[in-house]
């Protein structure tokens, strides 16, 4: 999600150096301007925080349902960023490979 959001920001002429800056700029430049639906900003923020908790907190646990929901949201987020780049910048992507 970080790289997909970074790609959209880059297309908008914005570069970021950290996850924190990404969250801030994504919110300011894409969510507040209603270029991207606000649910994607919420997902980006929540999943970034959960990833950090999993990496750094000693007593963090996730159940299977939470993990599956996070994967579904991440996949939808990436598809939405692709859609945005295609519709607004004419980018082309190779077809998704399904196993």
PDB file of N, CA and C in Angstrom:
ATOM      1  N   UNK A   1       0.824  -1.184   0.000  1.00  0.00           N
ATOM      2  CA  UNK A   1       0.000   0.000   0.000  1.00  0.00           C
ATOM      3  C   UNK A   1       0.871   1.252   0.000  1.00  0.00           C
ATOM      4  N   UNK A   2       1.993   1.194   0.737  1.00  0.00           N
ATOM      5  CA  UNK A   2       2.914   2.336   0.779  1.00  0.00           C
ATOM      6  C   UNK A   2       3.379   2.689  -0.624  1.00  0.00           C
ATOM      7  N   UNK A   3       3.789   1.693  -1.390  1.00  0.00           N
ATOM      8  CA  UNK A   3       4.315   1.964  -2.721  1.00  0.00           C
ATOM      9  C   UNK A   3       3.225   2.411  -3.684  1.00  0.00           C
ATOM     10  N   UNK A   4       2.023   1.858  -3.566  1.00  0.00           N
ATOM     11  CA  UNK A   4       0.915   2.279  -4.419  1.00  0.00           C
ATOM     12  C   UNK A   4       0.535   3.732  -4.115  1.00  0.00           C
ATOM     13  N   UNK A   5       0.457   4.069  -2.835  1.00  0.00           N
ATOM     14  CA  UNK A   5       0.143   5.451  -2.450  1.00  0.00           C
ATOM     15  C   UNK A   5       1.266   6.389  -2.871  1.00  0.00           C
ATOM     16  N   UNK A   6       2.504   5.938  -2.732  1.00  0.00           N
ATOM     17  CA  UNK A   6       3.651   6.752  -3.160  1.00  0.00           C
ATOM     18  C   UNK A   6       3.597   7.031  -4.653  1.00  0.00           C
ATOM     19  N   UNK A   7       3.195   6.022  -5.446  1.00  0.00           N
ATOM     20  CA  UNK A   7       3.101   6.194  -6.896  1.00  0.00           C
ATOM     21  C   UNK A   7       2.061   7.258  -7.254  1.00  0.00           C
ATOM     22  N   UNK A   8       0.934   7.228  -6.565  1.00  0.00           N
ATOM     23  CA  UNK A   8      -0.107   8.225  -6.837  1.00  0.00           C
ATOM     24  C   UNK A   8       0.382   9.620  -6.436  1.00  0.00           C
ATOM     25  N   UNK A   9       1.005   9.719  -5.284  1.00  0.00           N
ATOM     26  CA  UNK A   9       1.542  11.022  -4.875  1.00  0.00           C
ATOM     27  C   UNK A   9       2.594  11.509  -5.861  1.00  0.00           C
ATOM     28  N   UNK A  10       3.462  10.633  -6.319  1.00  0.00           N
ATOM     29  CA  UNK A  10       4.488  11.014  -7.283  1.00  0.00           C
ATOM     30  C   UNK A  10       3.858  11.530  -8.569  1.00  0.00           C
ATOM     31  N   UNK A  11       2.800  10.870  -9.024  1.00  0.00           N
ATOM     32  CA  UNK A  11       2.089  11.339 -10.213  1.00  0.00           C
ATOM     33  C   UNK A  11       1.531  12.739  -9.994  1.00  0.00           C
ATOM     34  N   UNK A  12       1.203  13.045  -8.746  1.00  0.00           N
ATOM     35  CA  UNK A  12       0.683  14.371  -8.392  1.00  0.00           C
ATOM     36  C   UNK A  12       1.821  15.378  -8.145  1.00  0.00           C
ATOM     37  N   UNK A  13       3.078  14.923  -8.303  1.00  0.00           N
ATOM     38  CA  UNK A  13       4.230  15.812  -8.123  1.00  0.00           C
ATOM     39  C   UNK A  13       4.731  15.895  -6.696  1.00  0.00           C
ATOM     40  N   UNK A  14       4.385  14.911  -5.870  1.00  0.00           N
ATOM     41  CA  UNK A  14       4.748  14.936  -4.450  1.00  0.00           C
ATOM     42  C   UNK A  14       5.611  13.727  -4.130  1.00  0.00           C
ATOM     43  N   UNK A  15       6.754  13.964  -3.511  1.00  0.00           N
ATOM     44  CA  UNK A  15       7.587  12.860  -3.040  1.00  0.00           C
ATOM     45  C   UNK A  15       7.618  12.883  -1.517  1.00  0.00           C
ATOM     46  N   UNK A  16       7.720  11.722  -0.926  1.00  0.00           N
ATOM     47  CA  UNK A  16       7.770  11.599   0.534  1.00  0.00           C
ATOM     48  C   UNK A  16       8.920  10.675   0.918  1.00  0.00           C
ATOM     49  N   UNK A  17       9.424  10.869   2.119  1.00  0.00           N
ATOM     50  CA  UNK A  17      10.564  10.088   2.593  1.00  0.00           C
ATOM     51  C   UNK A  17      10.225   9.138   3.731  1.00  0.00           C
ATOM     52  N   UNK A  18       8.994   9.189   4.232  1.00  0.00           N
ATOM     53  CA  UNK A  18       8.651   8.353   5.381  1.00  0.00           C
ATOM     54  C   UNK A  18       7.186   7.955   5.310  1.00  0.00           C
ATOM     55  N   UNK A  19       6.845   6.934   6.102  1.00  0.00           N
ATOM     56  CA  UNK A  19       5.450   6.521   6.196  1.00  0.00           C
ATOM     57  C   UNK A  19       4.592   7.643   6.772  1.00  0.00           C
ATOM     58  N   UNK A  20       5.125   8.344   7.739  1.00  0.00           N
ATOM     59  CA  UNK A  20       4.387   9.441   8.362  1.00  0.00           C
ATOM     60  C   UNK A  20       4.076  10.542   7.344  1.00  0.00           C
ATOM     61  N   UNK A  21       5.071  10.908   6.555  1.00  0.00           N
ATOM     62  CA  UNK A  21       4.860  11.932   5.528  1.00  0.00           C
ATOM     63  C   UNK A  21       3.873  11.443   4.475  1.00  0.00           C
ATOM     64  N   UNK A  22       3.947  10.161   4.142  1.00  0.00           N
ATOM     65  CA  UNK A  22       3.021   9.585   3.175  1.00  0.00           C
ATOM     66  C   UNK A  22       1.582   9.707   3.680  1.00  0.00           C
ATOM     67  N   UNK A  23       1.354   9.315   4.930  1.00  0.00           N
ATOM     68  CA  UNK A  23       0.005   9.412   5.507  1.00  0.00           C
ATOM     69  C   UNK A  23      -0.498  10.851   5.457  1.00  0.00           C
ATOM     70  N   UNK A  24       0.364  11.780   5.840  1.00  0.00           N
ATOM     71  CA  UNK A  24      -0.031  13.191   5.871  1.00  0.00           C
ATOM     72  C   UNK A  24      -0.358  13.710   4.479  1.00  0.00           C
ATOM     73  N   UNK A  25       0.542  13.497   3.535  1.00  0.00           N
ATOM     74  CA  UNK A  25       0.335  14.033   2.193  1.00  0.00           C
ATOM     75  C   UNK A  25      -0.799  13.327   1.458  1.00  0.00           C
ATOM     76  N   UNK A  26      -0.946  12.036   1.662  1.00  0.00           N
ATOM     77  CA  UNK A  26      -2.055  11.310   1.053  1.00  0.00           C
ATOM     78  C   UNK A  26      -3.375  11.900   1.546  1.00  0.00           C
ATOM     79  N   UNK A  27      -3.448  12.156   2.844  1.00  0.00           N
ATOM     80  CA  UNK A  27      -4.655  12.746   3.406  1.00  0.00           C
ATOM     81  C   UNK A  27      -4.926  14.144   2.889  1.00  0.00           C
ATOM     82  N   UNK A  28      -3.887  14.973   2.877  1.00  0.00           N
ATOM     83  CA  UNK A  28      -4.067  16.362   2.460  1.00  0.00           C
ATOM     84  C   UNK A  28      -4.336  16.511   0.971  1.00  0.00           C
ATOM     85  N   UNK A  29      -3.580  15.809   0.148  1.00  0.00           N
ATOM     86  CA  UNK A  29      -3.635  16.032  -1.287  1.00  0.00           C
ATOM     87  C   UNK A  29      -4.618  15.151  -2.040  1.00  0.00           C
ATOM     88  N   UNK A  30      -5.009  14.028  -1.443  1.00  0.00           N
ATOM     89  CA  UNK A  30      -5.899  13.114  -2.168  1.00  0.00           C
ATOM     90  C   UNK A  30      -7.231  12.881  -1.471  1.00  0.00           C
ATOM     91  N   UNK A  31      -7.218  12.791  -0.150  1.00  0.00           N
ATOM     92  CA  UNK A  31      -8.464  12.531   0.576  1.00  0.00           C
ATOM     93  C   UNK A  31      -9.248  13.828   0.790  1.00  0.00           C
ATOM     94  N   UNK A  32      -8.591  14.840   1.354  1.00  0.00           N
ATOM     95  CA  UNK A  32      -9.304  16.104   1.617  1.00  0.00           C
ATOM     96  C   UNK A  32      -9.794  16.772   0.337  1.00  0.00           C
ATOM     97  N   UNK A  33      -9.105  16.561  -0.766  1.00  0.00           N
ATOM     98  CA  UNK A  33      -9.526  17.133  -2.050  1.00  0.00           C
ATOM     99  C   UNK A  33     -10.547  16.240  -2.759  1.00  0.00           C
ATOM    100  N   UNK A  34     -10.888  15.112  -2.130  1.00  0.00           N
ATOM    101  CA  UNK A  34     -11.879  14.164  -2.638  1.00  0.00           C
ATOM    102  C   UNK A  34     -11.499  13.541  -3.973  1.00  0.00           C
ATOM    103  N   UNK A  35     -10.189  13.472  -4.244  1.00  0.00           N
ATOM    104  CA  UNK A  35      -9.723  12.764  -5.431  1.00  0.00           C
ATOM    105  C   UNK A  35      -9.795  11.257  -5.206  1.00  0.00           C
ATOM    106  N   UNK A  36      -9.611  10.859  -3.958  1.00  0.00           N
ATOM    107  CA  UNK A  36      -9.666   9.457  -3.545  1.00  0.00           C
ATOM    108  C   UNK A  36     -10.669   9.357  -2.399  1.00  0.00           C
ATOM    109  N   UNK A  37     -11.499   8.325  -2.399  1.00  0.00           N
ATOM    110  CA  UNK A  37     -12.493   8.124  -1.342  1.00  0.00           C
ATOM    111  C   UNK A  37     -11.797   8.020   0.014  1.00  0.00           C
ATOM    112  N   UNK A  38     -12.412   8.609   1.021  1.00  0.00           N
ATOM    113  CA  UNK A  38     -11.796   8.669   2.343  1.00  0.00           C
ATOM    114  C   UNK A  38     -11.581   7.299   2.997  1.00  0.00           C
ATOM    115  N   UNK A  39     -12.326   6.282   2.583  1.00  0.00           N
ATOM    116  CA  UNK A  39     -12.115   4.960   3.179  1.00  0.00           C
ATOM    117  C   UNK A  39     -10.699   4.475   2.911  1.00  0.00           C
ATOM    118  N   UNK A  40     -10.121   4.844   1.759  1.00  0.00           N
ATOM    119  CA  UNK A  40      -8.764   4.401   1.446  1.00  0.00           C
ATOM    120  C   UNK A  40      -7.737   5.086   2.352  1.00  0.00           C
ATOM    121  N   UNK A  41      -7.999   6.300   2.733  1.00  0.00           N
ATOM    122  CA  UNK A  41      -7.133   6.972   3.703  1.00  0.00           C
ATOM    123  C   UNK A  41      -7.208   6.307   5.070  1.00  0.00           C
ATOM    124  N   UNK A  42      -8.422   5.933   5.477  1.00  0.00           N
ATOM    125  CA  UNK A  42      -8.580   5.227   6.759  1.00  0.00           C
ATOM    126  C   UNK A  42      -7.849   3.895   6.727  1.00  0.00           C
ATOM    127  N   UNK A  43      -8.002   3.153   5.623  1.00  0.00           N
ATOM    128  CA  UNK A  43      -7.336   1.853   5.514  1.00  0.00           C
ATOM    129  C   UNK A  43      -5.820   2.013   5.551  1.00  0.00           C
ATOM    130  N   UNK A  44      -5.310   2.990   4.805  1.00  0.00           N
ATOM    131  CA  UNK A  44      -3.867   3.219   4.775  1.00  0.00           C
ATOM    132  C   UNK A  44      -3.346   3.510   6.174  1.00  0.00           C
ATOM    133  N   UNK A  45      -4.013   4.384   6.890  1.00  0.00           N
ATOM    134  CA  UNK A  45      -3.588   4.734   8.244  1.00  0.00           C
ATOM    135  C   UNK A  45      -3.662   3.540   9.195  1.00  0.00           C
ATOM    136  N   UNK A  46      -4.771   2.844   9.175  1.00  0.00           N
ATOM    137  CA  UNK A  46      -4.953   1.728  10.099  1.00  0.00           C
ATOM    138  C   UNK A  46      -3.973   0.593   9.820  1.00  0.00           C
ATOM    139  N   UNK A  47      -3.845   0.211   8.557  1.00  0.00           N
ATOM    140  CA  UNK A  47      -2.965  -0.913   8.239  1.00  0.00           C
ATOM    141  C   UNK A  47      -1.500  -0.566   8.453  1.00  0.00           C
ATOM    142  N   UNK A  48      -1.130   0.675   8.240  1.00  0.00           N
ATOM    143  CA  UNK A  48       0.245   1.106   8.547  1.00  0.00           C
ATOM    144  C   UNK A  48       0.499   0.986  10.036  1.00  0.00           C
ATOM    145  N   UNK A  49      -0.451   1.441  10.849  1.00  0.00           N
ATOM    146  CA  UNK A  49      -0.302   1.353  12.306  1.00  0.00           C
ATOM    147  C   UNK A  49      -0.256  -0.102  12.763  1.00  0.00           C
ATOM    148  N   UNK A  50      -1.115  -0.939  12.190  1.00  0.00           N
ATOM    149  CA  UNK A  50      -1.123  -2.355  12.565  1.00  0.00           C
ATOM    150  C   UNK A  50       0.182  -3.045  12.166  1.00  0.00           C
ATOM    151  N   UNK A  51       0.718  -2.688  11.004  1.00  0.00           N
ATOM    152  CA  UNK A  51       1.995  -3.265  10.587  1.00  0.00           C
ATOM    153  C   UNK A  51       3.098  -2.875  11.566  1.00  0.00           C
ATOM    154  N   UNK A  52       3.125  -1.613  11.958  1.00  0.00           N
ATOM    155  CA  UNK A  52       4.134  -1.172  12.924  1.00  0.00           C
ATOM    156  C   UNK A  52       3.945  -1.867  14.268  1.00  0.00           C
ATOM    157  N   UNK A  53       2.708  -2.021  14.707  1.00  0.00           N
ATOM    158  CA  UNK A  53       2.459  -2.732  15.959  1.00  0.00           C
ATOM    159  C   UNK A  53       2.975  -4.161  15.874  1.00  0.00           C
ATOM    160  N   UNK A  54       2.729  -4.821  14.756  1.00  0.00           N
ATOM    161  CA  UNK A  54       3.201  -6.187  14.579  1.00  0.00           C
ATOM    162  C   UNK A  54       4.722  -6.275  14.556  1.00  0.00           C
ATOM    163  N   UNK A  55       5.356  -5.246  14.004  1.00  0.00           N
ATOM    164  CA  UNK A  55       6.821  -5.236  13.925  1.00  0.00           C
ATOM    165  C   UNK A  55       7.482  -4.904  15.254  1.00  0.00           C
ATOM    166  N   UNK A  56       6.903  -3.995  16.019  1.00  0.00           N
ATOM    167  CA  UNK A  56       7.627  -3.425  17.150  1.00  0.00           C
ATOM    168  C   UNK A  56       7.040  -3.684  18.528  1.00  0.00           C
ATOM    169  N   UNK A  57       5.736  -3.963  18.619  1.00  0.00           N
ATOM    170  CA  UNK A  57       5.139  -4.213  19.928  1.00  0.00           C
ATOM    171  C   UNK A  57       5.356  -5.662  20.344  1.00  0.00           C
ATOM    172  N   UNK A  58       5.637  -5.855  21.588  1.00  0.00           N
ATOM    173  CA  UNK A  58       5.929  -7.191  22.099  1.00  0.00           C
ATOM    174  C   UNK A  58       4.672  -8.052  22.163  1.00  0.00           C
ATOM    175  N   UNK A  59       3.544  -7.466  22.541  1.00  0.00           N
ATOM    176  CA  UNK A  59       2.336  -8.253  22.801  1.00  0.00           C
ATOM    177  C   UNK A  59       1.228  -7.996  21.784  1.00  0.00           C
ATOM    178  N   UNK A  60       1.558  -7.901  20.523  1.00  0.00           N
ATOM    179  CA  UNK A  60       0.548  -7.704  19.485  1.00  0.00           C
ATOM    180  C   UNK A  60       0.158  -9.051  18.895  1.00  0.00           C
ATOM    181  N   UNK A  61      -1.143  -9.235  18.719  1.00  0.00           N
ATOM    182  CA  UNK A  61      -1.588 -10.457  18.058  1.00  0.00           C
ATOM    183  C   UNK A  61      -2.698 -10.101  17.079  1.00  0.00           C
ATOM    184  N   UNK A  62      -2.791 -10.897  16.023  1.00  0.00           N
ATOM    185  CA  UNK A  62      -3.819 -10.726  15.014  1.00  0.00           C
ATOM    186  C   UNK A  62      -4.458 -12.085  14.792  1.00  0.00           C
ATOM    187  N   UNK A  63      -5.761 -12.092  14.600  1.00  0.00           N
ATOM    188  CA  UNK A  63      -6.389 -13.376  14.288  1.00  0.00           C
ATOM    189  C   UNK A  63      -6.533 -13.508  12.772  1.00  0.00           C
ATOM    190  N   UNK A  64      -6.903 -14.689  12.349  1.00  0.00           N
ATOM    191  CA  UNK A  64      -6.991 -14.998  10.924  1.00  0.00           C
ATOM    192  C   UNK A  64      -7.968 -14.064  10.207  1.00  0.00           C
ATOM    193  N   UNK A  65      -9.118 -13.814  10.815  1.00  0.00           N
ATOM    194  CA  UNK A  65     -10.121 -12.953  10.180  1.00  0.00           C
ATOM    195  C   UNK A  65      -9.575 -11.538   9.972  1.00  0.00           C
ATOM    196  N   UNK A  66      -8.885 -11.000  10.985  1.00  0.00           N
ATOM    197  CA  UNK A  66      -8.276  -9.669  10.838  1.00  0.00           C
ATOM    198  C   UNK A  66      -7.278  -9.655   9.688  1.00  0.00           C
ATOM    199  N   UNK A  67      -6.445 -10.696   9.625  1.00  0.00           N
ATOM    200  CA  UNK A  67      -5.439 -10.766   8.565  1.00  0.00           C
ATOM    201  C   UNK A  67      -6.097 -10.849   7.189  1.00  0.00           C
ATOM    202  N   UNK A  68      -7.115 -11.681   7.059  1.00  0.00           N
ATOM    203  CA  UNK A  68      -7.797 -11.817   5.776  1.00  0.00           C
ATOM    204  C   UNK A  68      -8.478 -10.515   5.362  1.00  0.00           C
ATOM    205  N   UNK A  69      -9.096  -9.823   6.316  1.00  0.00           N
ATOM    206  CA  UNK A  69      -9.717  -8.530   6.017  1.00  0.00           C
ATOM    207  C   UNK A  69      -8.672  -7.511   5.589  1.00  0.00           C
ATOM    208  N   UNK A  70      -7.524  -7.527   6.243  1.00  0.00           N
ATOM    209  CA  UNK A  70      -6.450  -6.591   5.885  1.00  0.00           C
ATOM    210  C   UNK A  70      -5.933  -6.860   4.481  1.00  0.00           C
ATOM    211  N   UNK A  71      -5.793  -8.120   4.124  1.00  0.00           N
ATOM    212  CA  UNK A  71      -5.338  -8.476   2.784  1.00  0.00           C
ATOM    213  C   UNK A  71      -6.356  -8.010   1.743  1.00  0.00           C
ATOM    214  N   UNK A  72      -7.629  -8.227   2.013  1.00  0.00           N
ATOM    215  CA  UNK A  72      -8.686  -7.797   1.093  1.00  0.00           C
ATOM    216  C   UNK A  72      -8.652  -6.283   0.911  1.00  0.00           C
ATOM    217  N   UNK A  73      -8.517  -5.548   2.003  1.00  0.00           N
ATOM    218  CA  UNK A  73      -8.459  -4.086   1.924  1.00  0.00           C
ATOM    219  C   UNK A  73      -7.219  -3.635   1.159  1.00  0.00           C
ATOM    220  N   UNK A  74      -6.085  -4.266   1.407  1.00  0.00           N
ATOM    221  CA  UNK A  74      -4.850  -3.897   0.714  1.00  0.00           C
ATOM    222  C   UNK A  74      -4.987  -4.137  -0.790  1.00  0.00           C
ATOM    223  N   UNK A  75      -5.574  -5.268  -1.166  1.00  0.00           N
ATOM    224  CA  UNK A  75      -5.764  -5.555  -2.587  1.00  0.00           C
ATOM    225  C   UNK A  75      -6.705  -4.542  -3.238  1.00  0.00           C
ATOM    226  N   UNK A  76      -7.783  -4.193  -2.551  1.00  0.00           N
ATOM    227  CA  UNK A  76      -8.713  -3.196  -3.096  1.00  0.00           C
ATOM    228  C   UNK A  76      -8.044  -1.830  -3.183  1.00  0.00           C
ATOM    229  N   UNK A  77      -7.246  -1.492  -2.174  1.00  0.00           N
ATOM    230  CA  UNK A  77      -6.516  -0.223  -2.165  1.00  0.00           C
ATOM    231  C   UNK A  77      -5.607  -0.133  -3.398  1.00  0.00           C
ATOM    232  N   UNK A  78      -4.861  -1.182  -3.653  1.00  0.00           N
ATOM    233  CA  UNK A  78      -3.942  -1.181  -4.793  1.00  0.00           C
ATOM    234  C   UNK A  78      -4.711  -1.044  -6.102  1.00  0.00           C
ATOM    235  N   UNK A  79      -5.833  -1.742  -6.226  1.00  0.00           N
ATOM    236  CA  UNK A  79      -6.656  -1.622  -7.430  1.00  0.00           C
ATOM    237  C   UNK A  79      -7.187  -0.198  -7.604  1.00  0.00           C
ATOM    238  N   UNK A  80      -7.556   0.445  -6.502  1.00  0.00           N
ATOM    239  CA  UNK A  80      -8.057   1.819  -6.578  1.00  0.00           C
ATOM    240  C   UNK A  80      -6.947   2.780  -6.995  1.00  0.00           C
ATOM    241  N   UNK A  81      -5.731   2.567  -6.509  1.00  0.00           N
ATOM    242  CA  UNK A  81      -4.619   3.430  -6.905  1.00  0.00           C
ATOM    243  C   UNK A  81      -4.316   3.230  -8.395  1.00  0.00           C
ATOM    244  N   UNK A  82      -4.374   1.985  -8.872  1.00  0.00           N
ATOM    245  CA  UNK A  82      -4.189   1.722 -10.302  1.00  0.00           C
ATOM    246  C   UNK A  82      -5.261   2.442 -11.114  1.00  0.00           C
ATOM    247  N   UNK A  83      -6.516   2.306 -10.674  1.00  0.00           N
ATOM    248  CA  UNK A  83      -7.618   2.964 -11.382  1.00  0.00           C
ATOM    249  C   UNK A  83      -7.372   4.464 -11.467  1.00  0.00           C
ATOM    250  N   UNK A  84      -6.957   5.061 -10.362  1.00  0.00           N
ATOM    251  CA  UNK A  84      -6.707   6.501 -10.324  1.00  0.00           C
ATOM    252  C   UNK A  84      -5.610   6.878 -11.324  1.00  0.00           C
ATOM    253  N   UNK A  85      -4.537   6.117 -11.339  1.00  0.00           N
ATOM    254  CA  UNK A  85      -3.422   6.413 -12.242  1.00  0.00           C
ATOM    255  C   UNK A  85      -3.812   6.218 -13.703  1.00  0.00           C
ATOM    256  N   UNK A  86      -4.624   5.218 -13.982  1.00  0.00           N
ATOM    257  CA  UNK A  86      -5.089   4.983 -15.356  1.00  0.00           C
ATOM    258  C   UNK A  86      -6.001   6.117 -15.805  1.00  0.00           C
ATOM    259  N   UNK A  87      -6.988   6.451 -14.981  1.00  0.00           N
ATOM    260  CA  UNK A  87      -7.977   7.463 -15.364  1.00  0.00           C
ATOM    261  C   UNK A  87      -7.411   8.872 -15.409  1.00  0.00           C
ATOM    262  N   UNK A  88      -6.473   9.188 -14.526  1.00  0.00           N
ATOM    263  CA  UNK A  88      -5.983  10.559 -14.437  1.00  0.00           C
ATOM    264  C   UNK A  88      -4.668  10.802 -15.156  1.00  0.00           C
ATOM    265  N   UNK A  89      -3.901   9.752 -15.387  1.00  0.00           N
ATOM    266  CA  UNK A  89      -2.582   9.922 -15.990  1.00  0.00           C
ATOM    267  C   UNK A  89      -2.337   9.011 -17.187  1.00  0.00           C
ATOM    268  N   UNK A  90      -3.321   8.199 -17.551  1.00  0.00           N
ATOM    269  CA  UNK A  90      -3.194   7.341 -18.714  1.00  0.00           C
ATOM    270  C   UNK A  90      -2.170   6.225 -18.567  1.00  0.00           C
ATOM    271  N   UNK A  91      -1.771   5.917 -17.340  1.00  0.00           N
ATOM    272  CA  UNK A  91      -0.804   4.838 -17.143  1.00  0.00           C
ATOM    273  C   UNK A  91      -1.417   3.521 -17.535  1.00  0.00           C
ATOM    274  N   UNK A  92      -0.564   2.617 -17.953  1.00  0.00           N
ATOM    275  CA  UNK A  92      -1.011   1.264 -18.311  1.00  0.00           C
ATOM    276  C   UNK A  92      -0.281   0.285 -17.403  1.00  0.00           C
ATOM    277  N   UNK A  93      -0.978  -0.765 -17.023  1.00  0.00           N
ATOM    278  CA  UNK A  93      -0.428  -1.801 -16.168  1.00  0.00           C
ATOM    279  C   UNK A  93      -0.582  -3.147 -16.857  1.00  0.00           C
ATOM    280  N   UNK A  94       0.366  -4.043 -16.643  1.00  0.00           N
ATOM    281  CA  UNK A  94       0.167  -5.398 -17.188  1.00  0.00           C
ATOM    282  C   UNK A  94      -1.029  -6.045 -16.516  1.00  0.00           C
ATOM    283  N   UNK A  95      -1.665  -6.981 -17.194  1.00  0.00           N
ATOM    284  CA  UNK A  95      -2.817  -7.659 -16.569  1.00  0.00           C
ATOM    285  C   UNK A  95      -2.406  -8.339 -15.273  1.00  0.00           C
ATOM    286  N   UNK A  96      -3.322  -8.339 -14.308  1.00  0.00           N
ATOM    287  CA  UNK A  96      -3.068  -9.039 -13.042  1.00  0.00           C
ATOM    288  C   UNK A  96      -2.943 -10.518 -13.321  1.00  0.00           C
ATOM    289  N   UNK A  97      -1.984 -11.151 -12.665  1.00  0.00           N
ATOM    290  CA  UNK A  97      -1.799 -12.600 -12.797  1.00  0.00           C
ATOM    291  C   UNK A  97      -2.512 -13.280 -11.651  1.00  0.00           C
ATOM    292  N   UNK A  98      -3.439 -14.124 -11.966  1.00  0.00           N
ATOM    293  CA  UNK A  98      -4.174 -14.883 -10.951  1.00  0.00           C
ATOM    294  C   UNK A  98      -3.678 -16.316 -10.975  1.00  0.00           C
ATOM    295  N   UNK A  99      -3.354 -16.858  -9.809  1.00  0.00           N
ATOM    296  CA  UNK A  99      -2.862 -18.236  -9.742  1.00  0.00           C
ATOM    297  C   UNK A  99      -4.016 -19.197  -9.718  1.00  0.00           C
TER     298      UNK A  99
END
